[in-house]
Amino acid sequence: MSSTAERRTGYGASAVQKVSILFGVVFLLVGIAGFIPGLTSDIGAIEFASHTSGAMLLGIFQVSILHNIVHLLFGIAGLALAGSVSGARGYLVVGGIIYAVLWVYGLVVPHDHAANFVPLNGADNWLHLGLAVAMLALGLALTRGVRQRA
């Protein structure tokens, strides 16, 4: 690989790092929003982890305390891993794979089944597919031909 394809970058310096920061901030905001009455309807019906959680983020996405914590952790990971090209790429690629698995899980497990403990509804499932495609595509496309020196 030529030296022009190798990059030593600082926090958030490359495109893939900026995207990792963007996803991290969005996941943090979504995780916080899942606990805010008004943004989340029926907040009094929120459960820690169950398909019976009645809380709905933006009136569309079924959430639970666990679901919100997962979003917060994904947000923290995105910000933490944005310190390097390889970290940001790993966050986006692995995160994309995780969301692809969640999409399949949400399609296979009935929404009213105890195994749907996160919980996931139809809107969550399609959002997870979109996140999987976006994260994988961006993680791979933005690091094509680029490697980071130690």
Protein backbone atom coordinates (compact mmCIF):
# COMPACT_ATOMS: atom_id res chain seq x y z
CA MET A 1 0.00 0.00 0.00
CA SER A 2 1.35 3.44 -0.82
CA SER A 3 2.15 5.89 1.93
CA THR A 4 -0.66 8.17 0.73
CA ALA A 5 -3.14 5.41 1.55
CA GLU A 6 -1.80 5.15 5.11
CA ARG A 7 -3.11 7.64 7.61
CA ARG A 8 -2.34 8.54 11.17
CA THR A 9 -5.38 10.39 12.44
CA GLY A 10 -6.54 12.13 15.57
CA TYR A 11 -9.92 11.81 17.20
CA GLY A 12 -12.64 12.26 14.58
CA ALA A 13 -10.18 13.28 11.86
CA SER A 14 -11.21 10.85 9.12
CA ALA A 15 -14.59 10.36 7.50
CA VAL A 16 -15.14 6.96 9.14
CA GLN A 17 -14.32 8.45 12.55
CA LYS A 18 -16.79 11.28 11.97
CA VAL A 19 -19.47 8.76 11.05
CA SER A 20 -18.68 6.76 14.20
CA ILE A 21 -19.13 9.94 16.24
CA LEU A 22 -22.40 10.71 14.43
CA PHE A 23 -23.81 7.24 15.12
CA GLY A 24 -22.56 7.44 18.71
CA VAL A 25 -24.29 10.77 19.34
CA VAL A 26 -27.52 9.59 17.72
CA PHE A 27 -27.56 6.37 19.77
CA LEU A 28 -26.94 8.38 22.96
CA LEU A 29 -29.79 10.76 22.12
CA VAL A 30 -32.14 7.86 21.34
CA GLY A 31 -31.18 6.12 24.58
CA ILE A 32 -31.87 9.27 26.59
CA ALA A 33 -35.09 10.02 24.67
CA GLY A 34 -36.41 6.58 25.62
CA PHE A 35 -36.63 7.80 29.23
CA ILE A 36 -38.24 11.20 28.55
CA PRO A 37 -42.01 11.53 28.92
CA GLY A 38 -43.47 13.20 25.85
CA LEU A 39 -40.83 11.76 23.56
CA THR A 40 -41.75 8.34 24.90
CA SER A 41 -45.46 7.70 25.29
CA ASP A 42 -46.80 5.57 28.13
CA ILE A 43 -43.50 5.97 30.02
CA GLY A 44 -45.29 4.71 33.12
CA ALA A 45 -45.72 1.36 31.39
CA ILE A 46 -42.00 0.92 30.72
CA GLU A 47 -40.56 -2.35 31.97
CA PHE A 48 -36.96 -3.41 32.45
CA ALA A 49 -37.03 -6.11 29.77
CA SER A 50 -40.23 -7.57 28.40
CA HIS A 51 -42.39 -7.76 25.32
CA THR A 52 -45.16 -6.32 27.49
CA SER A 53 -43.39 -2.98 27.97
CA GLY A 54 -45.93 -0.38 26.92
CA ALA A 55 -43.53 2.54 26.39
CA MET A 56 -43.23 3.75 22.79
CA LEU A 57 -40.45 6.09 21.67
CA LEU A 58 -41.99 8.73 19.39
CA GLY A 59 -45.16 6.64 19.59
CA ILE A 60 -43.59 4.18 17.11
CA PHE A 61 -40.72 2.17 18.60
CA GLN A 62 -41.40 -0.14 21.55
CA VAL A 63 -38.77 0.42 24.24
CA SER A 64 -37.81 -0.91 27.63
CA ILE A 65 -35.19 0.11 30.14
CA LEU A 66 -32.87 -2.56 28.69
CA HIS A 67 -33.51 -1.34 25.14
CA ASN A 68 -32.61 2.22 26.18
CA ILE A 69 -29.47 1.03 27.99
CA VAL A 70 -28.37 -0.85 24.86
CA HIS A 71 -28.74 2.37 22.84
CA LEU A 72 -26.72 4.28 25.43
CA LEU A 73 -23.95 1.64 25.35
CA PHE A 74 -23.87 1.69 21.53
CA GLY A 75 -23.55 5.47 21.73
CA ILE A 76 -20.68 5.33 24.21
CA ALA A 77 -18.94 2.70 22.07
CA GLY A 78 -19.28 4.84 18.93
CA LEU A 79 -17.70 7.83 20.65
CA ALA A 80 -14.97 5.80 22.33
CA LEU A 81 -13.97 3.91 19.19
CA ALA A 82 -13.88 7.04 17.03
CA GLY A 83 -10.34 7.65 18.29
CA SER A 84 -8.87 5.59 15.47
CA VAL A 85 -9.76 4.59 11.94
CA SER A 86 -9.62 0.90 12.85
CA GLY A 87 -11.75 1.44 15.96
CA ALA A 88 -14.37 3.43 14.05
CA ARG A 89 -14.41 0.86 11.24
CA GLY A 90 -14.77 -1.97 13.75
CA TYR A 91 -17.60 -0.17 15.53
CA LEU A 92 -19.52 0.34 12.30
CA VAL A 93 -18.90 -3.14 10.88
CA VAL A 94 -19.51 -5.08 14.10
CA GLY A 95 -22.44 -2.82 14.96
CA GLY A 96 -23.88 -3.45 11.50
CA ILE A 97 -23.56 -7.19 12.00
CA ILE A 98 -25.23 -6.94 15.42
CA TYR A 99 -28.11 -4.96 13.95
CA ALA A 100 -28.47 -7.49 11.11
CA VAL A 101 -28.74 -10.25 13.71
CA LEU A 102 -31.30 -8.19 15.67
CA TRP A 103 -33.29 -7.69 12.47
CA VAL A 104 -33.43 -11.44 11.82
CA TYR A 105 -34.19 -12.09 15.51
CA GLY A 106 -37.06 -9.61 15.36
CA LEU A 107 -38.48 -11.30 12.27
CA VAL A 108 -38.22 -14.81 13.71
CA VAL A 109 -39.37 -14.26 17.30
CA PRO A 110 -43.08 -13.43 17.64
CA HIS A 111 -43.63 -9.99 19.15
CA ASP A 112 -45.83 -11.39 21.93
CA HIS A 113 -43.38 -14.15 22.90
CA ALA A 114 -41.33 -14.12 26.11
CA ALA A 115 -38.15 -14.43 23.99
CA ASN A 116 -38.84 -10.90 22.72
CA PHE A 117 -37.37 -9.50 25.92
CA VAL A 118 -35.63 -6.42 24.47
CA PRO A 119 -38.52 -5.70 23.18
CA LEU A 120 -38.70 -5.33 19.39
CA ASN A 121 -41.69 -4.43 17.26
CA GLY A 122 -42.15 -4.15 13.49
CA ALA A 123 -40.85 -0.57 13.37
CA ASP A 124 -37.74 -1.61 15.36
CA ASN A 125 -37.14 -4.49 12.95
CA TRP A 126 -37.07 -2.31 9.84
CA LEU A 127 -34.99 0.35 11.57
CA HIS A 128 -32.51 -2.38 12.52
CA LEU A 129 -32.26 -3.47 8.88
CA GLY A 130 -31.58 0.13 7.84
CA LEU A 131 -28.95 0.52 10.56
CA ALA A 132 -27.29 -2.77 9.57
CA VAL A 133 -27.02 -1.75 5.92
CA ALA A 134 -25.88 1.81 6.69
CA MET A 135 -23.31 0.85 9.32
CA LEU A 136 -21.80 -1.96 7.24
CA ALA A 137 -21.74 0.08 4.03
CA LEU A 138 -20.20 3.14 5.66
CA GLY A 139 -17.70 1.16 7.73
CA LEU A 140 -16.45 -0.67 4.65
CA ALA A 141 -16.72 2.09 2.03
CA LEU A 142 -15.04 4.80 4.09
CA THR A 143 -12.02 2.63 4.86
CA ARG A 144 -11.47 1.13 1.42
CA GLY A 145 -7.76 1.48 0.62
CA VAL A 146 -6.95 3.14 3.95
CA ARG A 147 -5.00 1.66 6.80
CA GLN A 148 -3.78 3.29 9.95
CA ARG A 149 -0.18 3.15 11.10
CA ALA A 150 0.47 2.24 14.69
